[in-house]
Amino acid sequence: MVNDTLPAELLEPIESLLEHLWLSEQLAFNTLESYRRDLNKIARRIQAEHLNWLNVDPLSLASAVFIPSEKPSSQARALSACKRLFSWMHEYNRRQDIPTEQLQMPKKGQYLPDIISETQIDALLAAPDTKTFLGLRDKALLELMYATGLRVSEAVNLRINEIDLQNGLLSTIGKGNKQRMVPLGEEATDWLENYFTDARPALLKGRACDAVFVSQKKTAITRQLAWMIVNKYANAAGIHHLSPHGLRHAFATHLVNHGADLRVVQLLLGHADIGTTQIYTHVANERLKQIVHQHHPRG
């Protein structure tokens, strides 16, 4: 959403950059919105110092970006957005210098996703009432997300022709427009079959729709609805603060816990860099430490 409270001298460069990125790089809507939020935030901070994008210096910009109360990841994201903006301004002769060249990314602490146990996942997957059409849809969605580790955007954008129930596979387009094949597993396959047979036709009521997961509006479910579904059953299962991405973390962590090769997990998650997948070995190690601490007499 555009921030109308910003003066034109601060707002116009942001919107022009976003339009440029959309046209030249075809960035996803969510990525563009993330840039907008971070740049609006920094714009408000430099406005408070009576500065703008044309005259802000590296020291003032650093003061606006590196706020001690913010996480290093938030600081890094804001700096990344600023780097985009000032590189673009320099390229199109709006500024002669690039003030972000003197600023370094903050050091990030090792982030470990919350550990969701297999017992908690069992409780989550048992929560939907599969005697109702919506409950059966929700059960199929949760089973699929845990069985495949799909991102929430990949799950809600999944289409009928991308599901192969006979062979227990699905095809999805992930980040970087890269396609990958992911096994479904028996449980997810069975619940999808039940959903396709009973719930999905009842929800569509004859309306044509190629989305796998549909709502009562006879259209594909949204990201927001998927979040609400996960949150609803997580609360019912006594799991706090579980997001759809938490299911993706659980999928990967439980695979590593059971001995899956990290390269295989990387392929299943669609990570471009093995370093991103490496986090799950740390999660598994943390879980092992907890078990020893709880159950070993000298833990």
Protein backbone atom coordinates (compact mmCIF):
# COMPACT_ATOMS: atom_id res chain seq x y z
CA MET A 1 0.00 0.00 0.00
CA VAL A 2 1.30 3.43 -0.91
CA ASN A 3 2.09 5.66 2.06
CA ASP A 4 0.31 8.96 1.25
CA THR A 5 1.77 10.67 4.32
CA LEU A 6 5.21 10.86 2.71
CA PRO A 7 6.04 13.96 0.65
CA ALA A 8 6.49 13.50 -3.09
CA GLU A 9 10.26 13.90 -2.90
CA LEU A 10 10.42 10.77 -0.74
CA LEU A 11 7.51 8.82 -2.19
CA GLU A 12 8.12 9.26 -5.92
CA PRO A 13 11.58 7.58 -6.03
CA ILE A 14 10.20 4.56 -4.13
CA GLU A 15 7.26 4.09 -6.50
CA SER A 16 9.44 4.68 -9.56
CA LEU A 17 11.95 2.07 -8.36
CA LEU A 18 9.19 -0.48 -7.74
CA GLU A 19 7.74 0.12 -11.19
CA HIS A 20 11.22 -0.31 -12.68
CA LEU A 21 11.77 -3.59 -10.79
CA TRP A 22 8.36 -4.89 -11.82
CA LEU A 23 8.94 -4.09 -15.50
CA SER A 24 12.61 -5.08 -15.76
CA GLU A 25 12.87 -8.02 -13.34
CA GLN A 26 9.24 -9.12 -12.98
CA LEU A 27 9.64 -9.40 -9.22
CA ALA A 28 6.79 -11.01 -7.30
CA PHE A 29 4.15 -8.80 -5.73
CA ASN A 30 5.18 -9.85 -2.20
CA THR A 31 8.82 -8.95 -2.90
CA LEU A 32 7.84 -5.52 -4.20
CA GLU A 33 5.61 -4.94 -1.17
CA SER A 34 8.49 -5.87 1.13
CA TYR A 35 10.72 -3.30 -0.60
CA ARG A 36 7.94 -0.71 -0.29
CA ARG A 37 7.48 -1.29 3.45
CA ASP A 38 11.19 -1.07 4.20
CA LEU A 39 11.77 2.01 2.03
CA ASN A 40 8.73 3.76 3.49
CA LYS A 41 10.10 3.03 6.96
CA ILE A 42 13.52 4.48 6.15
CA ALA A 43 11.91 7.42 4.37
CA ARG A 44 9.98 8.36 7.49
CA ARG A 45 13.16 8.21 9.56
CA ILE A 46 15.20 10.45 7.28
CA GLN A 47 12.22 12.79 6.92
CA ALA A 48 12.33 13.25 10.70
CA GLU A 49 15.90 14.53 10.23
CA HIS A 50 14.74 16.91 7.47
CA LEU A 51 16.52 14.85 4.82
CA ASN A 52 15.45 13.13 1.60
CA TRP A 53 16.79 10.54 -0.85
CA LEU A 54 18.81 13.19 -2.70
CA ASN A 55 20.75 14.63 0.21
CA VAL A 56 20.91 11.91 2.87
CA ASP A 57 24.55 11.09 3.67
CA PRO A 58 25.98 7.66 4.65
CA LEU A 59 26.11 8.47 8.36
CA SER A 60 22.51 9.69 8.49
CA LEU A 61 21.39 6.71 6.43
CA ALA A 62 23.20 4.34 8.80
CA SER A 63 21.38 5.94 11.74
CA ALA A 64 18.06 5.31 9.96
CA VAL A 65 18.84 1.70 9.06
CA PHE A 66 20.74 0.34 12.06
CA ILE A 67 18.20 0.77 14.83
CA PRO A 68 19.46 -1.17 17.91
CA SER A 69 15.97 -2.31 18.89
CA GLU A 70 15.46 -4.04 15.51
CA LYS A 71 16.64 -7.52 14.66
CA PRO A 72 19.73 -7.81 12.42
CA SER A 73 17.53 -9.50 9.80
CA SER A 74 15.23 -6.45 9.70
CA GLN A 75 18.21 -4.12 9.43
CA ALA A 76 19.69 -6.23 6.63
CA ARG A 77 16.41 -6.25 4.72
CA ALA A 78 16.09 -2.45 5.00
CA LEU A 79 19.69 -1.94 3.89
CA SER A 80 19.14 -4.27 0.93
CA ALA A 81 16.13 -2.20 -0.16
CA CYS A 82 18.16 1.01 0.18
CA LYS A 83 20.97 -0.47 -1.89
CA ARG A 84 18.45 -1.17 -4.64
CA LEU A 85 17.10 2.36 -4.48
CA PHE A 86 20.43 4.20 -4.51
CA SER A 87 21.94 1.98 -7.22
CA TRP A 88 18.91 2.74 -9.38
CA MET A 89 19.14 6.49 -8.60
CA HIS A 90 22.83 6.47 -9.51
CA GLU A 91 22.20 4.54 -12.73
CA TYR A 92 19.58 7.05 -13.84
CA ASN A 93 21.65 10.08 -12.76
CA ARG A 94 19.44 11.03 -9.84
CA ARG A 95 22.44 10.90 -7.52
CA GLN A 96 26.12 11.11 -8.32
CA ASP A 97 27.10 8.86 -5.42
CA ILE A 98 25.80 5.68 -3.80
CA PRO A 99 25.70 6.25 -0.02
CA THR A 100 25.06 2.59 0.74
CA GLU A 101 28.48 1.61 -0.65
CA GLN A 102 30.00 2.51 2.71
CA LEU A 103 27.48 0.48 4.72
CA GLN A 104 27.96 -3.20 5.52
CA MET A 105 25.29 -5.77 6.22
CA PRO A 106 24.83 -6.44 9.95
CA LYS A 107 26.06 -9.74 11.29
CA LYS A 108 23.14 -12.08 11.70
CA GLY A 109 22.86 -14.39 14.66
CA GLN A 110 22.19 -18.03 13.93
CA TYR A 111 18.43 -18.29 13.58
CA LEU A 112 16.94 -21.61 14.58
CA PRO A 113 13.31 -22.28 13.70
CA ASP A 114 11.05 -23.34 16.55
CA ILE A 115 11.18 -27.09 17.03
CA ILE A 116 7.79 -28.69 16.35
CA SER A 117 7.72 -32.27 17.56
CA GLU A 118 6.23 -35.16 15.63
CA THR A 119 3.72 -35.60 18.46
CA GLN A 120 2.57 -32.00 17.98
CA ILE A 121 2.26 -32.56 14.23
CA ASP A 122 0.16 -35.67 14.87
CA ALA A 123 -2.17 -33.58 17.05
CA LEU A 124 -2.37 -30.88 14.38
CA LEU A 125 -3.22 -33.32 11.60
CA ALA A 126 -5.88 -34.99 13.77
CA ALA A 127 -7.63 -31.69 14.55
CA PRO A 128 -9.83 -31.14 11.43
CA ASP A 129 -13.33 -32.64 11.41
CA THR A 130 -13.18 -34.71 8.24
CA LYS A 131 -16.92 -35.38 8.36
CA THR A 132 -17.44 -31.86 6.98
CA PHE A 133 -16.43 -30.67 3.52
CA LEU A 134 -14.31 -27.79 4.86
CA GLY A 135 -12.74 -30.06 7.46
CA LEU A 136 -11.82 -32.59 4.79
CA ARG A 137 -10.30 -29.83 2.64
CA ASP A 138 -8.31 -28.53 5.59
CA LYS A 139 -7.10 -32.02 6.46
CA ALA A 140 -5.90 -32.56 2.88
CA LEU A 141 -4.13 -29.18 2.88
CA LEU A 142 -2.33 -29.81 6.18
CA GLU A 143 -1.32 -33.33 5.17
CA LEU A 144 0.02 -32.08 1.84
CA MET A 145 1.99 -29.19 3.34
CA TYR A 146 3.60 -31.39 5.98
CA ALA A 147 4.27 -34.22 3.51
CA THR A 148 5.91 -31.98 0.89
CA GLY A 149 7.30 -28.92 2.65
CA LEU A 150 5.67 -26.61 0.11
CA ARG A 151 5.74 -22.87 0.72
CA VAL A 152 2.26 -21.49 1.42
CA SER A 153 2.29 -19.65 -1.93
CA GLU A 154 3.14 -22.91 -3.71
CA ALA A 155 0.31 -24.75 -1.95
CA VAL A 156 -2.41 -22.21 -2.72
CA ASN A 157 -1.23 -21.88 -6.35
CA LEU A 158 -1.17 -25.65 -6.93
CA ARG A 159 -3.28 -26.75 -9.90
CA ILE A 160 -5.06 -30.04 -10.62
CA ASN A 161 -2.78 -30.92 -13.53
CA GLU A 162 0.25 -30.60 -11.23
CA ILE A 163 -0.94 -33.45 -8.99
CA ASP A 164 -0.26 -37.07 -9.99
CA LEU A 165 -2.08 -39.20 -7.42
CA GLN A 166 -1.39 -42.44 -9.25
CA ASN A 167 2.36 -41.98 -8.88
CA GLY A 168 2.19 -39.98 -5.65
CA LEU A 169 3.93 -36.89 -7.04
CA LEU A 170 3.32 -33.20 -7.47
CA SER A 171 5.02 -30.55 -9.57
CA THR A 172 5.44 -27.00 -8.33
CA ILE A 173 7.06 -23.76 -9.46
CA GLY A 174 9.13 -22.26 -6.66
CA LYS A 175 11.38 -19.24 -6.20
CA GLY A 176 13.35 -18.23 -9.26
CA ASN A 177 10.61 -19.75 -11.43
CA LYS A 178 12.22 -23.18 -10.91
CA GLN A 179 10.14 -26.33 -11.25
CA ARG A 180 10.62 -29.27 -8.92
CA MET A 181 8.96 -32.64 -8.35
CA VAL A 182 8.05 -33.63 -4.79
CA PRO A 183 6.73 -37.01 -3.53
CA LEU A 184 3.37 -36.84 -1.76
CA GLY A 185 3.56 -39.85 0.53
CA GLU A 186 0.74 -42.31 1.19
CA GLU A 187 -1.16 -40.33 3.84
CA ALA A 188 -1.29 -37.12 1.82
CA THR A 189 -2.22 -39.05 -1.33
CA ASP A 190 -5.10 -40.84 0.44
CA TRP A 191 -6.50 -37.63 1.93
CA LEU A 192 -6.22 -35.80 -1.38
CA GLU A 193 -8.17 -38.60 -3.05
CA ASN A 194 -10.89 -38.29 -0.41
CA TYR A 195 -10.95 -34.52 -0.79
CA PHE A 196 -11.15 -34.71 -4.61
CA THR A 197 -13.95 -37.27 -4.42
CA ASP A 198 -16.16 -35.73 -1.74
CA ALA A 199 -15.31 -32.20 -0.59
CA ARG A 200 -13.96 -30.38 -3.61
CA PRO A 201 -16.97 -31.01 -5.92
CA ALA A 202 -19.33 -30.02 -3.08
CA LEU A 203 -17.46 -26.76 -2.50
CA LEU A 204 -17.35 -25.87 -6.21
CA LYS A 205 -21.00 -26.81 -6.86
CA GLY A 206 -20.39 -27.24 -10.58
CA ARG A 207 -18.19 -24.15 -10.99
CA ALA A 208 -15.04 -24.70 -13.06
CA CYS A 209 -11.79 -24.09 -11.19
CA ASP A 210 -8.39 -25.69 -11.73
CA ALA A 211 -6.99 -24.86 -8.26
CA VAL A 212 -6.42 -27.86 -6.00
CA PHE A 213 -7.64 -26.15 -2.83
CA VAL A 214 -10.86 -24.16 -3.18
CA SER A 215 -13.00 -22.06 -0.86
CA GLN A 216 -16.73 -21.62 -0.42
CA LYS A 217 -16.42 -18.73 -2.88
CA LYS A 218 -15.68 -21.41 -5.53
CA THR A 219 -12.20 -20.00 -6.17
CA ALA A 220 -8.70 -20.91 -5.03
CA ILE A 221 -8.00 -20.36 -1.35
CA THR A 222 -5.80 -17.35 -0.58
CA ARG A 223 -2.54 -17.18 1.35
CA GLN A 224 -4.43 -15.45 4.14
CA LEU A 225 -6.98 -18.27 4.37
CA ALA A 226 -4.20 -20.88 4.40
CA TRP A 227 -2.60 -19.02 7.32
CA MET A 228 -5.94 -18.96 9.13
CA ILE A 229 -6.45 -22.69 8.57
CA VAL A 230 -3.02 -23.59 9.98
CA ASN A 231 -3.46 -21.21 12.91
CA LYS A 232 -6.95 -22.53 13.70
CA TYR A 233 -5.89 -26.16 14.00
CA ALA A 234 -2.58 -25.32 15.66
CA ASN A 235 -4.50 -23.58 18.44
CA ALA A 236 -6.86 -26.56 18.68
CA ALA A 237 -3.83 -28.85 19.04
CA GLY A 238 -2.24 -26.62 21.68
CA ILE A 239 0.58 -25.43 19.41
CA HIS A 240 1.35 -21.73 19.71
CA HIS A 241 2.56 -19.48 16.92
CA LEU A 242 2.63 -22.11 14.16
CA SER A 243 2.58 -20.65 10.65
CA PRO A 244 2.45 -22.43 7.28
CA HIS A 245 6.21 -21.88 7.10
CA GLY A 246 6.43 -23.69 10.43
CA LEU A 247 5.03 -26.77 8.69
CA ARG A 248 7.79 -26.43 6.10
CA HIS A 249 10.35 -26.27 8.92
CA ALA A 250 8.80 -29.35 10.54
CA PHE A 251 8.92 -31.27 7.24
CA ALA A 252 12.63 -30.56 6.82
CA THR A 253 13.60 -31.03 10.47
CA HIS A 254 11.83 -34.36 10.78
CA LEU A 255 13.45 -35.60 7.57
CA VAL A 256 16.91 -34.73 8.92
CA ASN A 257 16.05 -36.28 12.31
CA HIS A 258 15.28 -39.53 10.52
CA GLY A 259 18.56 -39.52 8.59
CA ALA A 260 17.67 -37.91 5.26
CA ASP A 261 20.64 -36.65 3.24
CA LEU A 262 20.90 -32.86 3.31
CA ARG A 263 21.18 -32.69 -0.49
CA VAL A 264 17.88 -34.53 -0.81
CA VAL A 265 16.22 -32.11 1.62
CA GLN A 266 17.66 -29.22 -0.38
CA LEU A 267 16.05 -30.56 -3.57
CA LEU A 268 12.71 -31.17 -1.89
CA LEU A 269 12.60 -27.67 -0.41
CA GLY A 270 13.76 -26.02 -3.63
CA HIS A 271 16.69 -24.23 -1.96
CA ALA A 272 19.20 -22.80 -4.43
CA ASP A 273 21.96 -22.85 -1.80
CA ILE A 274 22.82 -25.82 0.41
CA GLY A 275 23.75 -23.29 3.10
CA THR A 276 20.08 -22.42 3.52
CA THR A 277 19.26 -26.08 4.13
CA GLN A 278 22.17 -26.45 6.57
CA ILE A 279 20.06 -24.81 9.28
CA TYR A 280 18.11 -28.03 9.74
CA THR A 281 21.17 -29.93 10.90
CA HIS A 282 21.48 -27.34 13.68
CA VAL A 283 17.80 -27.79 14.52
CA ALA A 284 18.27 -31.55 14.72
CA ASN A 285 21.33 -31.12 16.93
CA GLU A 286 19.43 -28.77 19.25
CA ARG A 287 16.66 -31.36 19.55
CA LEU A 288 19.19 -34.06 20.44
CA LYS A 289 20.65 -31.79 23.13
CA GLN A 290 17.18 -31.27 24.60
CA ILE A 291 16.51 -35.00 24.71
CA VAL A 292 19.83 -35.71 26.45
CA HIS A 293 19.25 -32.88 28.92
CA GLN A 294 15.77 -34.16 29.77
CA HIS A 295 16.46 -37.86 30.00
CA HIS A 296 20.13 -38.47 30.76
CA PRO A 297 20.97 -38.73 34.49
CA ARG A 298 23.89 -36.38 34.01
CA GLY A 299 22.22 -34.27 31.31
